[in-house]
Amino acid sequence: MLFSADVLLLSFFMNETAVANYKVALLIPANIVFLAATFMQSDYPKLAKNSRDKRFLKNYILNYYKIFIPVSALIFSVGFIFKEQILSFFFSSKYLNNQLIFVVFMAGFCLNMLLRNLYGTLLSAVGLMKLSTYISALNIILLVVFSLIFVNKFGILGMAISLTSSMLICGFLLLFTFQ
């Protein structure tokens, strides 16, 4: 899984405390994608059945965005506004220095719901799973490259930027590939 790869990479650059801080900042944002994953999983048979119907797929994408753009905006807004309270409540006040990293992850995973989750599943449903797999492999390569660039400069924030950037780039690749 991608999120294990990033922690492994980070452990090469940073000490245990930095890795723990990173995992705390990552935990909640990484789990918000279950909303989109559950939604897509339940619709997958319908998507596969209608995989050749362009009008159905276009309508599905529009309806998905009608639901998940507001959901993503709400999740990001709540995470941004209440970042201090969320980190204190779930993890303790000693992790309050992870607020910026938490916000970067909230943005990244909200965008992930709008791009990678949707178009990765759609590519699989229309029979292009191999292409989706190649883009996922590219995601890991980009994560390594970005980590080499950003972690030394910015520490765990650099790793958050690396993960968010690699997910965003591959999300756009999935989007353009699906078109």
Protein backbone atom coordinates (compact mmCIF):
# COMPACT_ATOMS: atom_id res chain seq x y z
CA MET A 1 0.00 0.00 0.00
CA LEU A 2 1.21 3.47 -0.89
CA PHE A 3 0.93 4.84 2.61
CA SER A 4 3.25 2.19 3.95
CA ALA A 5 5.81 3.10 1.30
CA ASP A 6 5.83 6.74 2.39
CA VAL A 7 6.39 5.84 6.04
CA LEU A 8 9.20 3.48 5.04
CA LEU A 9 10.78 6.22 2.93
CA LEU A 10 10.45 8.73 5.72
CA SER A 11 12.12 6.36 8.17
CA PHE A 12 15.28 6.53 6.02
CA PHE A 13 15.41 10.31 6.39
CA MET A 14 14.06 11.01 9.86
CA ASN A 15 14.04 9.69 13.43
CA GLU A 16 11.24 7.79 15.18
CA THR A 17 9.67 10.96 16.59
CA ALA A 18 9.34 12.49 13.12
CA VAL A 19 7.81 9.28 11.78
CA ALA A 20 5.32 9.22 14.68
CA ASN A 21 4.38 12.86 14.03
CA TYR A 22 3.92 12.09 10.36
CA LYS A 23 1.70 9.09 11.06
CA VAL A 24 -0.46 11.14 13.44
CA ALA A 25 -0.94 13.86 10.82
CA LEU A 26 -1.70 11.23 8.16
CA LEU A 27 -4.08 8.97 10.04
CA ILE A 28 -7.36 10.88 9.82
CA PRO A 29 -6.92 12.36 6.31
CA ALA A 30 -5.91 9.00 4.83
CA ASN A 31 -9.06 7.42 6.19
CA ILE A 32 -11.52 9.92 4.73
CA VAL A 33 -11.19 8.25 1.33
CA PHE A 34 -13.21 5.31 2.66
CA LEU A 35 -16.31 7.40 1.85
CA ALA A 36 -15.53 7.49 -1.85
CA ALA A 37 -14.16 3.95 -1.87
CA THR A 38 -17.35 2.60 -0.33
CA PHE A 39 -19.49 4.56 -2.75
CA MET A 40 -17.47 3.36 -5.74
CA GLN A 41 -17.34 -0.24 -4.49
CA SER A 42 -21.11 -0.45 -4.24
CA ASP A 43 -21.52 1.02 -7.73
CA TYR A 44 -18.79 -1.06 -9.38
CA PRO A 45 -21.11 -3.77 -10.82
CA LYS A 46 -23.29 -1.06 -12.35
CA LEU A 47 -20.21 0.69 -13.75
CA ALA A 48 -18.84 -2.51 -15.25
CA LYS A 49 -22.21 -3.36 -16.78
CA ASN A 50 -22.44 0.08 -18.41
CA SER A 51 -18.74 0.39 -19.24
CA ARG A 52 -19.38 1.02 -22.95
CA ASP A 53 -22.15 3.56 -22.43
CA LYS A 54 -20.39 6.95 -22.62
CA ARG A 55 -23.53 8.84 -21.65
CA PHE A 56 -24.01 6.70 -18.53
CA LEU A 57 -20.38 7.18 -17.50
CA LYS A 58 -20.50 10.94 -18.07
CA ASN A 59 -23.70 11.16 -16.03
CA TYR A 60 -22.13 9.01 -13.30
CA ILE A 61 -19.12 11.34 -13.10
CA LEU A 62 -21.36 14.40 -12.87
CA ASN A 63 -23.46 12.82 -10.12
CA TYR A 64 -20.33 11.70 -8.28
CA TYR A 65 -19.04 15.26 -8.32
CA LYS A 66 -22.41 16.61 -7.17
CA ILE A 67 -21.97 14.50 -4.06
CA PHE A 68 -18.22 14.52 -3.45
CA ILE A 69 -17.25 18.10 -4.25
CA PRO A 70 -19.45 19.38 -1.39
CA VAL A 71 -18.41 16.46 0.84
CA SER A 72 -14.72 17.11 0.13
CA ALA A 73 -15.15 20.85 0.67
CA LEU A 74 -16.93 20.23 3.97
CA ILE A 75 -14.32 17.72 5.16
CA PHE A 76 -11.46 20.04 4.22
CA SER A 77 -13.14 23.06 5.81
CA VAL A 78 -13.82 21.22 9.07
CA GLY A 79 -10.28 19.84 9.08
CA PHE A 80 -8.78 23.24 8.36
CA ILE A 81 -10.88 25.20 10.85
CA PHE A 82 -10.72 22.63 13.66
CA LYS A 83 -7.25 21.18 13.01
CA GLU A 84 -6.03 22.08 16.49
CA GLN A 85 -9.05 20.60 18.21
CA ILE A 86 -8.98 17.44 16.06
CA LEU A 87 -5.31 16.77 16.74
CA SER A 88 -5.71 17.49 20.46
CA PHE A 89 -8.85 15.39 20.84
CA PHE A 90 -7.65 12.31 18.96
CA PHE A 91 -3.93 12.36 19.70
CA SER A 92 -3.12 14.91 22.48
CA SER A 93 -1.81 18.44 22.54
CA LYS A 94 1.79 17.28 22.08
CA TYR A 95 1.00 16.78 18.38
CA LEU A 96 -0.24 20.33 17.75
CA ASN A 97 2.92 21.17 15.83
CA ASN A 98 1.59 18.89 13.04
CA GLN A 99 -1.23 21.24 12.04
CA LEU A 100 0.25 22.32 8.70
CA ILE A 101 1.06 18.73 7.75
CA PHE A 102 -2.48 17.71 8.72
CA VAL A 103 -3.92 20.44 6.46
CA VAL A 104 -1.68 19.41 3.55
CA PHE A 105 -2.93 15.85 3.95
CA MET A 106 -6.56 16.96 4.24
CA ALA A 107 -6.22 18.82 0.93
CA GLY A 108 -4.38 15.94 -0.70
CA PHE A 109 -6.84 13.26 0.32
CA CYS A 110 -9.88 15.38 -0.53
CA LEU A 111 -8.43 15.86 -4.02
CA ASN A 112 -7.63 12.15 -4.04
CA MET A 113 -11.33 11.38 -3.55
CA LEU A 114 -12.17 13.60 -6.51
CA LEU A 115 -9.53 12.21 -8.87
CA ARG A 116 -7.73 8.96 -8.04
CA ASN A 117 -10.63 7.15 -6.40
CA LEU A 118 -13.07 8.03 -9.15
CA TYR A 119 -10.95 7.61 -12.25
CA GLY A 120 -8.93 4.65 -10.96
CA THR A 121 -12.17 2.75 -10.37
CA LEU A 122 -13.64 3.88 -13.69
CA LEU A 123 -10.56 2.73 -15.59
CA SER A 124 -10.86 -0.68 -13.97
CA ALA A 125 -14.59 -0.84 -14.73
CA VAL A 126 -14.04 -0.13 -18.42
CA GLY A 127 -11.32 -2.76 -18.73
CA LEU A 128 -8.23 -0.57 -18.40
CA MET A 129 -7.02 -1.90 -15.08
CA LYS A 130 -3.51 -2.41 -16.45
CA LEU A 131 -3.25 1.29 -17.23
CA SER A 132 -4.47 2.15 -13.75
CA THR A 133 -1.81 -0.18 -12.34
CA TYR A 134 0.94 1.55 -14.35
CA ILE A 135 -0.17 4.92 -13.03
CA SER A 136 -0.13 3.55 -9.48
CA ALA A 137 3.43 2.33 -10.04
CA LEU A 138 4.33 5.79 -11.34
CA ASN A 139 2.82 7.19 -8.16
CA ILE A 140 5.34 5.26 -6.08
CA ILE A 141 8.21 6.36 -8.32
CA LEU A 142 7.11 9.99 -8.05
CA LEU A 143 6.82 9.61 -4.29
CA VAL A 144 10.43 8.43 -4.07
CA VAL A 145 11.70 11.22 -6.34
CA PHE A 146 9.73 13.93 -4.54
CA SER A 147 10.87 12.54 -1.18
CA LEU A 148 14.49 12.85 -2.21
CA ILE A 149 13.85 16.47 -3.13
CA PHE A 150 11.55 17.68 -0.36
CA VAL A 151 12.26 15.67 2.80
CA ASN A 152 15.79 16.98 3.28
CA LYS A 153 14.55 20.56 2.83
CA PHE A 154 11.28 20.45 4.77
CA GLY A 155 11.35 17.33 6.97
CA ILE A 156 8.00 15.65 7.53
CA LEU A 157 6.22 18.53 5.80
CA GLY A 158 8.34 17.64 2.76
CA MET A 159 7.07 14.07 2.93
CA ALA A 160 3.49 15.32 3.15
CA ILE A 161 4.12 17.52 0.11
CA SER A 162 5.71 14.56 -1.69
CA LEU A 163 2.77 12.24 -1.04
CA THR A 164 0.17 14.87 -1.88
CA SER A 165 1.99 15.89 -5.07
CA SER A 166 2.43 12.34 -6.32
CA MET A 167 -1.24 11.53 -5.64
CA LEU A 168 -2.38 14.73 -7.38
CA ILE A 169 -0.24 14.19 -10.48
CA CYS A 170 -1.38 10.60 -10.82
CA GLY A 171 -4.97 11.62 -10.18
CA PHE A 172 -4.78 14.01 -13.13
CA LEU A 173 -3.11 11.28 -15.22
CA LEU A 174 -6.01 8.95 -14.43
CA LEU A 175 -8.47 11.69 -15.35
CA PHE A 176 -6.80 12.40 -18.69
CA THR A 177 -6.34 8.71 -19.42
CA PHE A 178 -10.03 8.07 -18.85
CA GLN A 179 -11.09 10.83 -21.26
